[in-house]
Amino acid sequence: MLKLRLIYGLLFGALLLTMFYFDQALSAGWPGRTMSFPPGTLMVLSLIGIIPLATAEMRRLLKSEGVAISMRVCVTASLLCMIWPWLEQLSQTLLDHPNGASPIAVRVAMWFHTVKPHYLVPTVLALGLVAAVVMYSRNQKIDGAMASAGGSLLAIVYLGVMPGFFLPIRLTHSAGMVVSILLMVKGADMGAYGMGRWLGKHKLIAWLSPGKTWEGFVGGLAAAGLIGALLSHFSPEFAWWEGLLGGLVLGAAGQMGDLLESLLKRDAGVKDSGLVPGFGGVLDMLDSALFAAPLAYWMLKLVHG
């Protein structure tokens, strides 16, 4: 089982690194350079492919608890919540730097700002809630309507709103910044696993995740902090202590995200959220990164604007 997960994880990581490489290369010189694309375009396309798979796993977890959600409603709302912050910042960038951009793109950006785009995510959440209730009650069913609405909002926020924080980061920083965040988060996962297997004795939260220990948690923090400090060496924007602090915070957030998914899985009574034997699932791959994304965005915003 561990061997299979390691293989799947390495393959997934290689695909991600390839995607980030081309996202950086194809966006160089945008918007002035012809045949260039806005930063984050390949990230958006990747998430458009990943979110339906993650939603299917979330639907399976909720179904185990007798909660029904609509794939059409949740996937559509999640994608809209994910993409709107990116489009908002993208349009602002075009308005601030119109030279070289196509006149049509600038006009679209001007229109986008007239509709107050920062209200669009709350609007999508509200419409998603209404649509979830309508879809559930269309067969004249009453029992479970509130659970379905709550489950739908859980899926939309978890799989739409939270990954949407990565895209504005990509617009204001290089693809390497997003990769660095993921390395710190996943480094915490591996550090926690390794230290927990080696020295783990004191249970972290026994009733929720019996395999996790305080020693593993500290090991995960240490790994993430060390990775952050090392990565800061390659970036003139950050001092080593900022990288260390960022790694500690994101490492803690990532491990909390892992515990959140453990809560969902234990509540549903399943060990793995994925459908492929030996593979924990897309949610297992994303859980720690999703929880860390909002913190990463606000830390960068507060420190570097």
Protein backbone atom coordinates (compact mmCIF):
# COMPACT_ATOMS: atom_id res chain seq x y z
CA MET A 1 0.00 0.00 0.00
CA LEU A 2 2.75 2.46 0.96
CA LYS A 3 4.73 1.56 -2.15
CA LEU A 4 1.74 2.22 -4.40
CA ARG A 5 1.04 5.55 -2.72
CA LEU A 6 4.68 6.54 -3.14
CA ILE A 7 4.56 5.70 -6.85
CA TYR A 8 1.30 7.59 -7.39
CA GLY A 9 2.62 10.52 -5.37
CA LEU A 10 5.83 10.74 -7.40
CA LEU A 11 3.91 10.58 -10.68
CA PHE A 12 1.48 13.25 -9.50
CA GLY A 13 4.39 15.42 -8.33
CA ALA A 14 6.20 15.05 -11.67
CA LEU A 15 3.05 16.09 -13.55
CA LEU A 16 2.63 19.10 -11.28
CA LEU A 17 6.24 20.23 -11.76
CA THR A 18 5.89 19.89 -15.53
CA MET A 19 2.70 21.94 -15.47
CA PHE A 20 4.31 24.69 -13.36
CA TYR A 21 7.35 24.79 -15.65
CA PHE A 22 5.24 25.38 -18.75
CA ASP A 23 2.93 27.79 -16.91
CA GLN A 24 5.98 29.93 -16.10
CA ALA A 25 7.48 29.60 -19.59
CA LEU A 26 4.27 30.36 -21.51
CA SER A 27 3.42 33.38 -19.36
CA ALA A 28 6.80 35.09 -19.73
CA GLY A 29 6.33 38.62 -21.08
CA TRP A 30 2.56 38.66 -20.68
CA PRO A 31 0.62 40.80 -21.62
CA GLY A 32 3.08 42.50 -23.95
CA ARG A 33 4.49 39.41 -25.66
CA THR A 34 2.46 37.77 -28.39
CA MET A 35 1.52 34.10 -27.93
CA SER A 36 1.90 34.42 -24.17
CA PHE A 37 -0.76 33.48 -21.66
CA PRO A 38 -1.77 34.99 -18.30
CA PRO A 39 0.10 33.52 -15.33
CA GLY A 40 -1.85 30.65 -13.84
CA THR A 41 -3.59 29.60 -17.07
CA LEU A 42 -2.27 26.04 -16.90
CA MET A 43 -3.05 25.94 -13.18
CA VAL A 44 -6.67 26.84 -13.97
CA LEU A 45 -6.87 24.14 -16.63
CA SER A 46 -5.36 21.59 -14.24
CA LEU A 47 -7.82 22.48 -11.49
CA ILE A 48 -10.69 22.24 -13.96
CA GLY A 49 -9.64 18.62 -14.45
CA ILE A 50 -8.95 17.88 -10.77
CA ILE A 51 -11.98 19.47 -9.10
CA PRO A 52 -14.58 17.11 -10.65
CA LEU A 53 -12.51 14.10 -9.48
CA ALA A 54 -12.22 15.53 -5.96
CA THR A 55 -15.94 16.35 -5.93
CA ALA A 56 -16.77 12.76 -6.88
CA GLU A 57 -14.72 11.57 -3.88
CA MET A 58 -16.44 14.10 -1.60
CA ARG A 59 -19.79 12.91 -2.91
CA ARG A 60 -18.82 9.34 -2.06
CA LEU A 61 -17.88 10.34 1.51
CA LEU A 62 -21.14 12.21 2.01
CA LYS A 63 -23.16 9.39 0.49
CA SER A 64 -21.75 7.06 3.14
CA GLU A 65 -23.46 9.31 5.67
CA GLY A 66 -26.72 9.36 3.73
CA VAL A 67 -26.13 12.88 2.40
CA ALA A 68 -26.77 13.43 -1.29
CA ILE A 69 -25.16 16.24 -3.29
CA SER A 70 -25.42 17.14 -6.96
CA MET A 71 -22.25 16.80 -9.00
CA ARG A 72 -23.49 19.39 -11.49
CA VAL A 73 -24.23 21.99 -8.82
CA CYS A 74 -21.08 21.39 -6.76
CA VAL A 75 -18.63 21.16 -9.67
CA THR A 76 -20.05 24.25 -11.41
CA ALA A 77 -20.10 26.35 -8.23
CA SER A 78 -16.64 25.12 -7.17
CA LEU A 79 -15.10 26.03 -10.52
CA LEU A 80 -16.70 29.48 -10.48
CA CYS A 81 -15.52 30.16 -6.91
CA MET A 82 -12.06 28.97 -7.86
CA ILE A 83 -11.71 31.05 -11.01
CA TRP A 84 -13.34 34.38 -10.02
CA PRO A 85 -10.52 35.69 -7.76
CA TRP A 86 -8.05 34.89 -10.52
CA LEU A 87 -10.15 36.70 -13.13
CA GLU A 88 -10.56 39.68 -10.80
CA GLN A 89 -6.83 40.12 -10.28
CA LEU A 90 -6.15 39.31 -13.93
CA SER A 91 -8.47 42.09 -15.07
CA GLN A 92 -6.87 44.55 -12.65
CA THR A 93 -3.43 43.68 -14.03
CA LEU A 94 -4.65 44.34 -17.57
CA LEU A 95 -6.07 47.72 -16.54
CA ASP A 96 -2.84 48.66 -14.77
CA HIS A 97 -0.64 47.53 -17.70
CA PRO A 98 -2.69 47.83 -20.90
CA ASN A 99 0.33 48.27 -23.19
CA GLY A 100 0.68 45.25 -25.44
CA ALA A 101 -2.64 43.73 -24.40
CA SER A 102 -5.34 43.31 -27.01
CA PRO A 103 -8.07 46.01 -26.99
CA ILE A 104 -10.72 43.30 -26.57
CA ALA A 105 -9.02 41.96 -23.44
CA VAL A 106 -8.83 45.47 -21.97
CA ARG A 107 -12.53 46.09 -22.71
CA VAL A 108 -13.46 42.80 -21.05
CA ALA A 109 -11.34 43.74 -18.04
CA MET A 110 -13.10 47.12 -17.80
CA TRP A 111 -16.52 45.44 -17.95
CA PHE A 112 -15.49 42.87 -15.38
CA HIS A 113 -14.67 45.61 -12.88
CA THR A 114 -18.02 47.34 -13.43
CA VAL A 115 -19.85 44.28 -12.06
CA LYS A 116 -17.99 44.43 -8.71
CA PRO A 117 -16.29 41.02 -9.05
CA HIS A 118 -15.50 40.71 -5.33
CA TYR A 119 -19.22 40.09 -4.80
CA LEU A 120 -19.28 37.18 -7.23
CA VAL A 121 -17.95 34.45 -4.93
CA PRO A 122 -20.60 35.15 -2.23
CA THR A 123 -23.19 35.25 -5.02
CA VAL A 124 -22.05 31.88 -6.34
CA LEU A 125 -22.19 30.42 -2.81
CA ALA A 126 -25.74 31.74 -2.34
CA LEU A 127 -26.86 30.43 -5.73
CA GLY A 128 -25.14 27.12 -5.05
CA LEU A 129 -27.08 26.77 -1.82
CA VAL A 130 -30.39 27.48 -3.58
CA ALA A 131 -29.54 25.17 -6.48
CA ALA A 132 -28.61 22.37 -4.07
CA VAL A 133 -31.99 22.60 -2.32
CA VAL A 134 -33.84 22.76 -5.65
CA MET A 135 -31.96 19.77 -7.08
CA TYR A 136 -32.63 17.73 -3.95
CA SER A 137 -36.34 18.57 -3.69
CA ARG A 138 -37.20 18.22 -7.39
CA ASN A 139 -38.36 14.65 -6.72
CA GLN A 140 -40.70 15.97 -4.03
CA LYS A 141 -38.42 14.82 -1.21
CA ILE A 142 -38.14 16.63 2.11
CA ASP A 143 -36.03 14.46 4.42
CA GLY A 144 -32.36 15.28 4.08
CA ALA A 145 -32.77 18.62 2.28
CA MET A 146 -30.84 20.58 4.92
CA ALA A 147 -28.09 17.95 5.05
CA SER A 148 -27.80 18.10 1.27
CA ALA A 149 -27.53 21.90 1.34
CA GLY A 150 -24.85 21.75 4.05
CA GLY A 151 -22.93 19.01 2.26
CA SER A 152 -23.03 20.98 -0.97
CA LEU A 153 -21.64 24.10 0.68
CA LEU A 154 -18.91 21.99 2.33
CA ALA A 155 -17.87 20.62 -1.07
CA ILE A 156 -17.98 24.05 -2.75
CA VAL A 157 -15.94 25.84 -0.09
CA TYR A 158 -13.46 22.99 0.36
CA LEU A 159 -12.89 22.33 -3.34
CA GLY A 160 -13.65 25.72 -4.89
CA VAL A 161 -12.98 28.60 -2.53
CA MET A 162 -9.86 27.20 -0.86
CA PRO A 163 -7.82 26.23 -3.97
CA GLY A 164 -8.83 29.58 -5.47
CA PHE A 165 -6.29 31.26 -3.15
CA PHE A 166 -3.40 29.74 -5.11
CA LEU A 167 -4.28 31.55 -8.35
CA PRO A 168 -3.89 35.15 -7.11
CA ILE A 169 -0.57 34.05 -5.58
CA ARG A 170 0.52 32.88 -9.03
CA LEU A 171 -0.49 36.18 -10.63
CA THR A 172 1.68 38.23 -8.30
CA HIS A 173 4.57 35.78 -7.92
CA SER A 174 6.37 33.21 -10.03
CA ALA A 175 5.26 29.61 -10.39
CA GLY A 176 8.22 28.85 -8.13
CA MET A 177 6.38 30.52 -5.25
CA VAL A 178 3.45 28.13 -5.56
CA VAL A 179 5.87 25.20 -5.86
CA SER A 180 7.68 26.42 -2.73
CA ILE A 181 4.42 26.52 -0.77
CA LEU A 182 3.57 23.00 -1.89
CA LEU A 183 7.06 21.77 -1.02
CA MET A 184 6.76 23.15 2.52
CA VAL A 185 3.32 21.63 3.00
CA LYS A 186 4.21 18.24 1.57
CA GLY A 187 7.57 18.32 3.35
CA ALA A 188 5.62 18.63 6.59
CA ASP A 189 3.58 15.57 5.61
CA MET A 190 6.69 13.50 4.97
CA GLY A 191 8.52 14.81 8.03
CA ALA A 192 5.54 14.00 10.24
CA TYR A 193 5.29 10.49 8.81
CA GLY A 194 8.99 9.77 9.14
CA MET A 195 9.41 11.18 12.65
CA GLY A 196 6.19 9.55 13.77
CA ARG A 197 7.36 6.14 12.58
CA TRP A 198 10.78 6.63 14.16
CA LEU A 199 10.07 8.24 17.52
CA GLY A 200 6.30 8.56 17.77
CA LYS A 201 4.96 7.59 21.20
CA HIS A 202 2.54 10.29 22.35
CA LYS A 203 -0.76 10.37 20.45
CA LEU A 204 -1.71 13.73 18.94
CA ILE A 205 -5.48 13.20 18.71
CA ALA A 206 -6.10 9.51 19.40
CA TRP A 207 -9.88 9.65 18.88
CA LEU A 208 -9.48 11.19 15.43
CA SER A 209 -6.25 9.84 13.94
CA PRO A 210 -4.61 7.14 16.09
CA GLY A 211 -1.52 6.98 13.89
CA LYS A 212 -0.52 10.63 14.38
CA THR A 213 1.76 11.61 17.25
CA TRP A 214 3.14 14.78 18.81
CA GLU A 215 6.62 13.67 17.77
CA GLY A 216 5.41 13.40 14.18
CA PHE A 217 3.73 16.80 14.37
CA VAL A 218 6.94 18.45 15.59
CA GLY A 219 8.95 16.56 12.96
CA GLY A 220 6.60 17.88 10.28
CA LEU A 221 7.04 21.45 11.53
CA ALA A 222 10.81 21.05 11.56
CA ALA A 223 10.86 19.70 8.01
CA ALA A 224 8.62 22.48 6.67
CA GLY A 225 10.62 25.18 8.48
CA LEU A 226 13.91 23.81 7.17
CA ILE A 227 12.54 23.67 3.61
CA GLY A 228 11.26 27.24 3.92
CA ALA A 229 14.62 28.50 5.18
CA LEU A 230 16.48 26.70 2.38
CA LEU A 231 14.12 27.96 -0.32
CA SER A 232 14.52 31.55 0.87
CA HIS A 233 18.17 31.27 -0.19
CA PHE A 234 16.97 31.25 -3.83
CA SER A 235 14.65 34.25 -3.44
CA PRO A 236 15.88 37.79 -2.78
CA GLU A 237 12.38 38.69 -1.54
CA PHE A 238 12.69 36.73 1.68
CA ALA A 239 15.16 36.50 4.55
CA TRP A 240 15.96 33.05 5.90
CA TRP A 241 13.93 33.66 9.04
CA GLU A 242 10.87 34.59 6.95
CA GLY A 243 11.21 31.32 5.08
CA LEU A 244 11.58 29.46 8.36
CA LEU A 245 8.54 31.15 9.89
CA GLY A 246 6.49 30.62 6.74
CA GLY A 247 7.41 26.94 6.71
CA LEU A 248 6.40 26.52 10.35
CA VAL A 249 3.02 28.18 9.80
CA LEU A 250 2.26 26.35 6.55
CA GLY A 251 3.51 23.07 7.98
CA ALA A 252 1.11 23.40 10.90
CA ALA A 253 -1.76 24.40 8.58
CA GLY A 254 -1.06 21.48 6.26
CA GLN A 255 -1.16 18.98 9.12
CA MET A 256 -4.43 20.52 10.32
CA GLY A 257 -5.79 20.04 6.81
CA ASP A 258 -4.80 16.40 6.93
CA LEU A 259 -6.62 16.03 10.25
CA LEU A 260 -9.71 17.67 8.76
CA GLU A 261 -9.84 15.11 5.99
CA SER A 262 -9.30 12.35 8.55
CA LEU A 263 -12.36 13.70 10.36
CA LEU A 264 -14.42 13.51 7.17
CA LYS A 265 -13.23 9.98 6.37
CA ARG A 266 -13.79 8.64 9.88
CA ASP A 267 -17.23 10.19 9.98
CA ALA A 268 -18.01 8.47 6.67
CA GLY A 269 -16.52 5.20 7.92
CA VAL A 270 -14.01 4.82 5.07
CA LYS A 271 -10.22 4.49 5.13
CA ASP A 272 -9.49 5.99 1.71
CA SER A 273 -11.52 8.53 -0.21
CA GLY A 274 -10.20 7.35 -3.58
CA LEU A 275 -11.66 4.76 -5.90
CA VAL A 276 -8.32 3.26 -7.04
CA PRO A 277 -6.99 0.51 -4.72
CA GLY A 278 -3.78 1.52 -2.99
CA PHE A 279 -4.28 5.19 -3.87
CA GLY A 280 -5.59 7.38 -1.08
CA GLY A 281 -7.43 9.56 -3.56
CA VAL A 282 -7.33 13.11 -4.90
CA LEU A 283 -8.57 14.47 -1.58
CA ASP A 284 -5.63 12.82 0.18
CA MET A 285 -3.30 14.58 -2.24
CA LEU A 286 -4.97 17.96 -1.80
CA ASP A 287 -6.07 18.09 1.84
CA SER A 288 -2.97 19.70 3.38
CA ALA A 289 -2.41 22.11 0.48
CA LEU A 290 -6.04 23.28 0.48
CA PHE A 291 -5.92 24.17 4.16
CA ALA A 292 -2.62 26.03 3.75
CA ALA A 293 -3.64 28.03 0.66
CA PRO A 294 -5.59 30.85 2.43
CA LEU A 295 -2.82 31.26 5.02
CA ALA A 296 -0.15 31.41 2.31
CA TYR A 297 -2.10 34.08 0.44
CA TRP A 298 -2.58 36.31 3.48
CA MET A 299 0.99 35.90 4.70
CA LEU A 300 2.32 37.01 1.31
CA LYS A 301 -0.22 39.82 1.19
CA LEU A 302 0.70 41.14 4.61
CA VAL A 303 4.45 40.85 4.12
CA HIS A 304 4.84 41.92 0.48
CA GLY A 305 1.48 43.44 -0.47
